[in-house]
Amino acid sequence: MSKLRRIHVIIIGCTACALVVAGLYFLVIKKANERIAAVQTELDQATQIANRLPSAQRKLTEVKDEYNRQLTAYSSFTRAKMPALTFADRPQGMIALWKEQAEVLGPMVQRWPEKTGVRFLTSVKVPAAPTDPNAISAGLISVPLGTFQVQGDFRTIMNHIRKWNDFGRLVQLSPITINGPSPGMTASYNVTVLLVPSGEAGPNFEMGAAVAQ
């Protein structure tokens, strides 16, 4: 009986050790393996991101370069096509718009058509600027100049139309109608000058308060 008891004790001890080892495996080793697998997944994802980083940096550089080119082109365009006009101070902006329309725009447009080789058959009529500084838009300002009629041969008239791209202000032309045979044909179209003030508009001007002073 004594030997059987020892065997039983040994068997029970071995079984207990196996259970402890199995428990350690499931509690420690298996969890460690799972953690290693999770970290490996994170590492693989980070590696993929890192591999894409040079390409992303190149694209960012390209976008920045394109932005700078567009900004330079826009700055050149505004210097060539737009008057110094801002409504941060609305009364001062209104005065600048008056001068633009009354003193600058009219003479510029009046002289332009014949510089392109055509005969100008109409006169320029620049409308008056608004008198209320609070009614002026700080966005796009349209100045309609009415219908223009020019005369010349077909080639000269087509060149005249293209030359509007070189005019000192941004203009919009309506669809063009051409009548008569070349070289005495006439072309008619409407002209609108587009002005874009810089910056945001300032607060409304209290005209009543100004009069009271």
C-alpha atoms as a PDB file:
ATOM      1  CA  MET A   1       0.000   0.000   0.000  1.00  0.00           C
ATOM      2  CA  SER A   2       2.865   2.267   0.862  1.00  0.00           C
ATOM      3  CA  LYS A   3       4.369   1.926  -2.638  1.00  0.00           C
ATOM      4  CA  LEU A   4       1.015   2.539  -4.221  1.00  0.00           C
ATOM      5  CA  ARG A   5       0.671   5.621  -2.185  1.00  0.00           C
ATOM      6  CA  ARG A   6       4.062   6.882  -3.396  1.00  0.00           C
ATOM      7  CA  ILE A   7       3.126   6.159  -7.005  1.00  0.00           C
ATOM      8  CA  HIS A   8      -0.132   7.897  -6.498  1.00  0.00           C
ATOM      9  CA  VAL A   9       1.696  10.860  -5.019  1.00  0.00           C
ATOM     10  CA  ILE A  10       4.141  10.939  -7.911  1.00  0.00           C
ATOM     11  CA  ILE A  11       1.342  10.708 -10.457  1.00  0.00           C
ATOM     12  CA  ILE A  12      -0.604  13.410  -8.710  1.00  0.00           C
ATOM     13  CA  GLY A  13       2.532  15.574  -8.513  1.00  0.00           C
ATOM     14  CA  CYS A  14       3.303  15.130 -12.199  1.00  0.00           C
ATOM     15  CA  THR A  15      -0.279  15.880 -13.102  1.00  0.00           C
ATOM     16  CA  ALA A  16      -0.175  19.016 -10.992  1.00  0.00           C
ATOM     17  CA  CYS A  17       3.074  20.109 -12.651  1.00  0.00           C
ATOM     18  CA  ALA A  18       1.547  19.547 -16.104  1.00  0.00           C
ATOM     19  CA  LEU A  19      -1.433  21.637 -15.134  1.00  0.00           C
ATOM     20  CA  VAL A  20       0.824  24.410 -13.880  1.00  0.00           C
ATOM     21  CA  VAL A  21       2.870  24.311 -17.087  1.00  0.00           C
ATOM     22  CA  ALA A  22      -0.289  24.366 -19.189  1.00  0.00           C
ATOM     23  CA  GLY A  23      -1.604  27.257 -17.142  1.00  0.00           C
ATOM     24  CA  LEU A  24       1.634  29.148 -17.563  1.00  0.00           C
ATOM     25  CA  TYR A  25       1.467  28.527 -21.321  1.00  0.00           C
ATOM     26  CA  PHE A  26      -2.033  29.849 -21.649  1.00  0.00           C
ATOM     27  CA  LEU A  27      -1.566  32.710 -19.189  1.00  0.00           C
ATOM     28  CA  VAL A  28       1.909  33.858 -20.169  1.00  0.00           C
ATOM     29  CA  ILE A  29       3.305  32.357 -23.339  1.00  0.00           C
ATOM     30  CA  LYS A  30       0.119  32.476 -25.388  1.00  0.00           C
ATOM     31  CA  LYS A  31      -0.584  36.071 -24.369  1.00  0.00           C
ATOM     32  CA  ALA A  32       3.000  36.983 -25.157  1.00  0.00           C
ATOM     33  CA  ASN A  33       2.649  35.406 -28.603  1.00  0.00           C
ATOM     34  CA  GLU A  34      -0.569  37.320 -29.183  1.00  0.00           C
ATOM     35  CA  ARG A  35       1.127  40.558 -28.113  1.00  0.00           C
ATOM     36  CA  ILE A  36       4.069  39.823 -30.406  1.00  0.00           C
ATOM     37  CA  ALA A  37       1.655  39.228 -33.293  1.00  0.00           C
ATOM     38  CA  ALA A  38      -0.178  42.483 -32.554  1.00  0.00           C
ATOM     39  CA  VAL A  39       3.074  44.439 -32.368  1.00  0.00           C
ATOM     40  CA  GLN A  40       4.229  42.805 -35.609  1.00  0.00           C
ATOM     41  CA  THR A  41       0.983  43.939 -37.270  1.00  0.00           C
ATOM     42  CA  GLU A  42       1.547  47.485 -36.014  1.00  0.00           C
ATOM     43  CA  LEU A  43       5.125  47.329 -37.271  1.00  0.00           C
ATOM     44  CA  ASP A  44       3.980  46.125 -40.703  1.00  0.00           C
ATOM     45  CA  GLN A  45       1.439  48.965 -40.900  1.00  0.00           C
ATOM     46  CA  ALA A  46       4.019  51.519 -39.778  1.00  0.00           C
ATOM     47  CA  THR A  47       6.456  50.157 -42.340  1.00  0.00           C
ATOM     48  CA  GLN A  48       3.877  50.555 -45.095  1.00  0.00           C
ATOM     49  CA  ILE A  49       3.270  54.140 -43.996  1.00  0.00           C
ATOM     50  CA  ALA A  50       6.997  54.811 -43.818  1.00  0.00           C
ATOM     51  CA  ASN A  51       7.437  53.387 -47.311  1.00  0.00           C
ATOM     52  CA  ARG A  52       4.782  55.790 -48.593  1.00  0.00           C
ATOM     53  CA  LEU A  53       6.326  58.772 -46.814  1.00  0.00           C
ATOM     54  CA  PRO A  54       8.870  59.727 -49.537  1.00  0.00           C
ATOM     55  CA  SER A  55       6.133  59.656 -52.182  1.00  0.00           C
ATOM     56  CA  ALA A  56       3.834  61.738 -49.970  1.00  0.00           C
ATOM     57  CA  GLN A  57       6.631  64.232 -49.335  1.00  0.00           C
ATOM     58  CA  ARG A  58       7.276  64.545 -53.075  1.00  0.00           C
ATOM     59  CA  LYS A  59       3.582  65.138 -53.715  1.00  0.00           C
ATOM     60  CA  LEU A  60       3.476  67.747 -50.953  1.00  0.00           C
ATOM     61  CA  THR A  61       6.467  69.518 -52.493  1.00  0.00           C
ATOM     62  CA  GLU A  62       4.813  69.430 -55.922  1.00  0.00           C
ATOM     63  CA  VAL A  63       1.581  70.859 -54.519  1.00  0.00           C
ATOM     64  CA  LYS A  64       3.455  73.635 -52.716  1.00  0.00           C
ATOM     65  CA  ASP A  65       5.416  74.463 -55.861  1.00  0.00           C
ATOM     66  CA  GLU A  66       2.218  74.577 -57.917  1.00  0.00           C
ATOM     67  CA  TYR A  67       0.579  76.786 -55.281  1.00  0.00           C
ATOM     68  CA  ASN A  68       3.520  79.188 -55.380  1.00  0.00           C
ATOM     69  CA  ARG A  69       3.390  79.280 -59.193  1.00  0.00           C
ATOM     70  CA  GLN A  70      -0.319  79.987 -59.144  1.00  0.00           C
ATOM     71  CA  LEU A  71       0.125  82.642 -56.464  1.00  0.00           C
ATOM     72  CA  THR A  72       2.863  84.333 -58.499  1.00  0.00           C
ATOM     73  CA  ALA A  73       0.717  84.186 -61.638  1.00  0.00           C
ATOM     74  CA  TYR A  74      -2.277  85.616 -59.774  1.00  0.00           C
ATOM     75  CA  SER A  75      -0.161  88.412 -58.291  1.00  0.00           C
ATOM     76  CA  SER A  76       1.139  89.286 -61.761  1.00  0.00           C
ATOM     77  CA  PHE A  77      -2.403  89.183 -63.127  1.00  0.00           C
ATOM     78  CA  THR A  78      -3.802  91.496 -60.447  1.00  0.00           C
ATOM     79  CA  ARG A  79      -0.939  93.964 -60.911  1.00  0.00           C
ATOM     80  CA  ALA A  80      -1.565  94.038 -64.668  1.00  0.00           C
ATOM     81  CA  LYS A  81      -5.371  93.955 -64.692  1.00  0.00           C
ATOM     82  CA  MET A  82      -6.695  95.405 -61.429  1.00  0.00           C
ATOM     83  CA  PRO A  83      -6.589  98.933 -60.001  1.00  0.00           C
ATOM     84  CA  ALA A  84      -5.473  99.467 -56.412  1.00  0.00           C
ATOM     85  CA  LEU A  85      -8.942  99.128 -54.956  1.00  0.00           C
ATOM     86  CA  THR A  86      -9.955  98.105 -51.434  1.00  0.00           C
ATOM     87  CA  PHE A  87     -13.031  98.684 -49.283  1.00  0.00           C
ATOM     88  CA  ALA A  88     -11.418  98.114 -45.911  1.00  0.00           C
ATOM     89  CA  ASP A  89     -12.278 101.819 -45.519  1.00  0.00           C
ATOM     90  CA  ARG A  90     -15.553 102.099 -47.405  1.00  0.00           C
ATOM     91  CA  PRO A  91     -15.554 105.897 -48.090  1.00  0.00           C
ATOM     92  CA  GLN A  92     -11.968 105.793 -49.343  1.00  0.00           C
ATOM     93  CA  GLY A  93     -12.778 102.771 -51.464  1.00  0.00           C
ATOM     94  CA  MET A  94     -15.764 104.569 -52.980  1.00  0.00           C
ATOM     95  CA  ILE A  95     -13.586 107.580 -53.860  1.00  0.00           C
ATOM     96  CA  ALA A  96     -11.029 105.266 -55.504  1.00  0.00           C
ATOM     97  CA  LEU A  97     -13.826 103.612 -57.499  1.00  0.00           C
ATOM     98  CA  TRP A  98     -15.113 107.038 -58.630  1.00  0.00           C
ATOM     99  CA  LYS A  99     -11.650 107.932 -59.904  1.00  0.00           C
ATOM    100  CA  GLU A 100     -11.264 104.571 -61.633  1.00  0.00           C
ATOM    101  CA  GLN A 101     -14.537 104.857 -63.508  1.00  0.00           C
ATOM    102  CA  ALA A 102     -14.508 108.612 -64.203  1.00  0.00           C
ATOM    103  CA  GLU A 103     -10.833 109.329 -64.852  1.00  0.00           C
ATOM    104  CA  VAL A 104      -9.095 106.084 -65.791  1.00  0.00           C
ATOM    105  CA  LEU A 105     -11.432 103.542 -67.341  1.00  0.00           C
ATOM    106  CA  GLY A 106     -13.109 105.784 -69.894  1.00  0.00           C
ATOM    107  CA  PRO A 107      -9.923 107.065 -71.594  1.00  0.00           C
ATOM    108  CA  MET A 108      -8.362 103.575 -71.499  1.00  0.00           C
ATOM    109  CA  VAL A 109     -11.286 101.966 -73.306  1.00  0.00           C
ATOM    110  CA  GLN A 110     -11.842 104.875 -75.711  1.00  0.00           C
ATOM    111  CA  ARG A 111      -8.309 104.630 -77.073  1.00  0.00           C
ATOM    112  CA  TRP A 112      -8.084 100.848 -77.114  1.00  0.00           C
ATOM    113  CA  PRO A 113     -10.034  99.635 -80.193  1.00  0.00           C
ATOM    114  CA  GLU A 114      -8.172 101.748 -82.752  1.00  0.00           C
ATOM    115  CA  LYS A 115      -4.851 100.619 -81.255  1.00  0.00           C
ATOM    116  CA  THR A 116      -5.746  97.141 -82.508  1.00  0.00           C
ATOM    117  CA  GLY A 117      -6.219  98.306 -86.105  1.00  0.00           C
ATOM    118  CA  VAL A 118     -10.014  98.554 -86.350  1.00  0.00           C
ATOM    119  CA  ARG A 119     -12.165 101.624 -86.785  1.00  0.00           C
ATOM    120  CA  PHE A 120     -14.192 102.386 -83.656  1.00  0.00           C
ATOM    121  CA  LEU A 121     -17.748 103.364 -84.642  1.00  0.00           C
ATOM    122  CA  THR A 122     -19.292 103.968 -81.207  1.00  0.00           C
ATOM    123  CA  SER A 123     -18.457 105.975 -78.114  1.00  0.00           C
ATOM    124  CA  VAL A 124     -17.641 104.751 -74.627  1.00  0.00           C
ATOM    125  CA  LYS A 125     -20.171 105.359 -71.881  1.00  0.00           C
ATOM    126  CA  VAL A 126     -18.852 104.533 -68.413  1.00  0.00           C
ATOM    127  CA  PRO A 127     -21.682 104.447 -65.851  1.00  0.00           C
ATOM    128  CA  ALA A 128     -21.366 106.448 -62.656  1.00  0.00           C
ATOM    129  CA  ALA A 129     -20.089 104.633 -59.589  1.00  0.00           C
ATOM    130  CA  PRO A 130     -22.406 104.124 -56.586  1.00  0.00           C
ATOM    131  CA  THR A 131     -22.756 107.043 -54.181  1.00  0.00           C
ATOM    132  CA  ASP A 132     -23.519 104.982 -51.089  1.00  0.00           C
ATOM    133  CA  PRO A 133     -20.307 103.404 -49.718  1.00  0.00           C
ATOM    134  CA  ASN A 134     -22.361 100.773 -47.899  1.00  0.00           C
ATOM    135  CA  ALA A 135     -23.932  99.605 -51.165  1.00  0.00           C
ATOM    136  CA  ILE A 136     -20.604  98.770 -52.785  1.00  0.00           C
ATOM    137  CA  SER A 137     -19.782  95.074 -52.975  1.00  0.00           C
ATOM    138  CA  ALA A 138     -16.355  93.982 -51.798  1.00  0.00           C
ATOM    139  CA  GLY A 139     -16.523  91.085 -54.240  1.00  0.00           C
ATOM    140  CA  LEU A 140     -16.726  91.245 -58.005  1.00  0.00           C
ATOM    141  CA  ILE A 141     -17.754  94.657 -59.388  1.00  0.00           C
ATOM    142  CA  SER A 142     -19.208  94.719 -62.902  1.00  0.00           C
ATOM    143  CA  VAL A 143     -18.992  97.910 -64.943  1.00  0.00           C
ATOM    144  CA  PRO A 144     -21.086  97.547 -68.135  1.00  0.00           C
ATOM    145  CA  LEU A 145     -19.818  99.724 -70.976  1.00  0.00           C
ATOM    146  CA  GLY A 146     -22.579  98.964 -73.461  1.00  0.00           C
ATOM    147  CA  THR A 147     -22.318  97.902 -77.099  1.00  0.00           C
ATOM    148  CA  PHE A 148     -19.121  98.370 -79.080  1.00  0.00           C
ATOM    149  CA  GLN A 149     -19.115  98.440 -82.883  1.00  0.00           C
ATOM    150  CA  VAL A 150     -15.895  98.234 -84.861  1.00  0.00           C
ATOM    151  CA  GLN A 151     -15.135  98.049 -88.571  1.00  0.00           C
ATOM    152  CA  GLY A 152     -12.362  96.367 -90.570  1.00  0.00           C
ATOM    153  CA  ASP A 153     -11.516  93.271 -92.550  1.00  0.00           C
ATOM    154  CA  PHE A 154     -12.136  89.830 -91.079  1.00  0.00           C
ATOM    155  CA  ARG A 155      -8.521  89.178 -90.021  1.00  0.00           C
ATOM    156  CA  THR A 156      -8.213  92.586 -88.345  1.00  0.00           C
ATOM    157  CA  ILE A 157     -11.486  92.170 -86.481  1.00  0.00           C
ATOM    158  CA  MET A 158     -10.472  88.717 -85.193  1.00  0.00           C
ATOM    159  CA  ASN A 159      -7.131  90.134 -84.070  1.00  0.00           C
ATOM    160  CA  HIS A 160      -8.972  92.990 -82.353  1.00  0.00           C
ATOM    161  CA  ILE A 161     -11.104  90.539 -80.390  1.00  0.00           C
ATOM    162  CA  ARG A 162      -8.057  88.532 -79.283  1.00  0.00           C
ATOM    163  CA  LYS A 163      -6.246  91.711 -78.288  1.00  0.00           C
ATOM    164  CA  TRP A 164      -8.783  92.328 -75.516  1.00  0.00           C
ATOM    165  CA  ASN A 165      -6.717  89.774 -73.565  1.00  0.00           C
ATOM    166  CA  ASP A 166      -3.924  92.377 -73.484  1.00  0.00           C
ATOM    167  CA  PHE A 167      -6.139  95.215 -72.279  1.00  0.00           C
ATOM    168  CA  GLY A 168      -5.218  96.818 -68.948  1.00  0.00           C
ATOM    169  CA  ARG A 169      -8.388  95.619 -67.231  1.00  0.00           C
ATOM    170  CA  LEU A 170     -10.230  92.321 -67.095  1.00  0.00           C
ATOM    171  CA  VAL A 171     -13.100  92.440 -69.580  1.00  0.00           C
ATOM    172  CA  GLN A 172     -15.985  90.192 -70.508  1.00  0.00           C
ATOM    173  CA  LEU A 173     -17.295  90.265 -74.083  1.00  0.00           C
ATOM    174  CA  SER A 174     -20.734  89.135 -75.117  1.00  0.00           C
ATOM    175  CA  PRO A 175     -21.179  86.897 -78.184  1.00  0.00           C
ATOM    176  CA  ILE A 176     -19.976  88.798 -81.280  1.00  0.00           C
ATOM    177  CA  THR A 177     -22.070  89.453 -84.349  1.00  0.00           C
ATOM    178  CA  ILE A 178     -20.369  90.246 -87.686  1.00  0.00           C
ATOM    179  CA  ASN A 179     -22.138  91.839 -90.638  1.00  0.00           C
ATOM    180  CA  GLY A 180     -21.142  92.819 -94.168  1.00  0.00           C
ATOM    181  CA  PRO A 181     -18.383  91.653 -96.489  1.00  0.00           C
ATOM    182  CA  SER A 182     -14.669  92.036 -95.811  1.00  0.00           C
ATOM    183  CA  PRO A 183     -12.853  94.429 -95.787  1.00  0.00           C
ATOM    184  CA  GLY A 184     -15.741  96.677 -94.697  1.00  0.00           C
ATOM    185  CA  MET A 185     -17.458  94.331 -92.282  1.00  0.00           C
ATOM    186  CA  THR A 186     -18.603  95.489 -88.840  1.00  0.00           C
ATOM    187  CA  ALA A 187     -18.534  93.596 -85.565  1.00  0.00           C
ATOM    188  CA  SER A 188     -20.779  94.316 -82.564  1.00  0.00           C
ATOM    189  CA  TYR A 189     -20.491  93.052 -78.993  1.00  0.00           C
ATOM    190  CA  ASN A 190     -21.085  94.192 -75.427  1.00  0.00           C
ATOM    191  CA  VAL A 191     -18.205  94.976 -73.067  1.00  0.00           C
ATOM    192  CA  THR A 192     -18.218  94.624 -69.285  1.00  0.00           C
ATOM    193  CA  VAL A 193     -15.203  95.493 -67.144  1.00  0.00           C
ATOM    194  CA  LEU A 194     -14.730  93.304 -64.064  1.00  0.00           C
ATOM    195  CA  LEU A 195     -13.026  94.732 -60.983  1.00  0.00           C
ATOM    196  CA  VAL A 196     -11.978  92.639 -57.986  1.00  0.00           C
ATOM    197  CA  PRO A 197     -11.147  94.676 -54.851  1.00  0.00           C
ATOM    198  CA  SER A 198      -8.465  93.298 -52.571  1.00  0.00           C
ATOM    199  CA  GLY A 199      -9.139  92.254 -48.985  1.00  0.00           C
ATOM    200  CA  GLU A 200     -12.353  92.237 -46.996  1.00  0.00           C
ATOM    201  CA  ALA A 201     -14.787  95.115 -46.739  1.00  0.00           C
ATOM    202  CA  GLY A 202     -14.711  97.185 -43.591  1.00  0.00           C
ATOM    203  CA  PRO A 203     -17.702  98.034 -41.399  1.00  0.00           C
ATOM    204  CA  ASN A 204     -20.556 100.073 -42.825  1.00  0.00           C
ATOM    205  CA  PHE A 205     -20.067 103.817 -42.854  1.00  0.00           C
ATOM    206  CA  GLU A 206     -22.461 105.721 -40.567  1.00  0.00           C
ATOM    207  CA  MET A 207     -23.465 108.465 -42.936  1.00  0.00           C
ATOM    208  CA  GLY A 208     -25.971 110.078 -40.550  1.00  0.00           C
ATOM    209  CA  ALA A 209     -23.357 110.406 -37.852  1.00  0.00           C
ATOM    210  CA  ALA A 210     -20.927 111.982 -40.301  1.00  0.00           C
ATOM    211  CA  VAL A 211     -23.490 114.612 -41.302  1.00  0.00           C
ATOM    212  CA  ALA A 212     -24.240 115.389 -37.651  1.00  0.00           C
ATOM    213  CA  GLN A 213     -20.616 116.281 -37.059  1.00  0.00           C
END
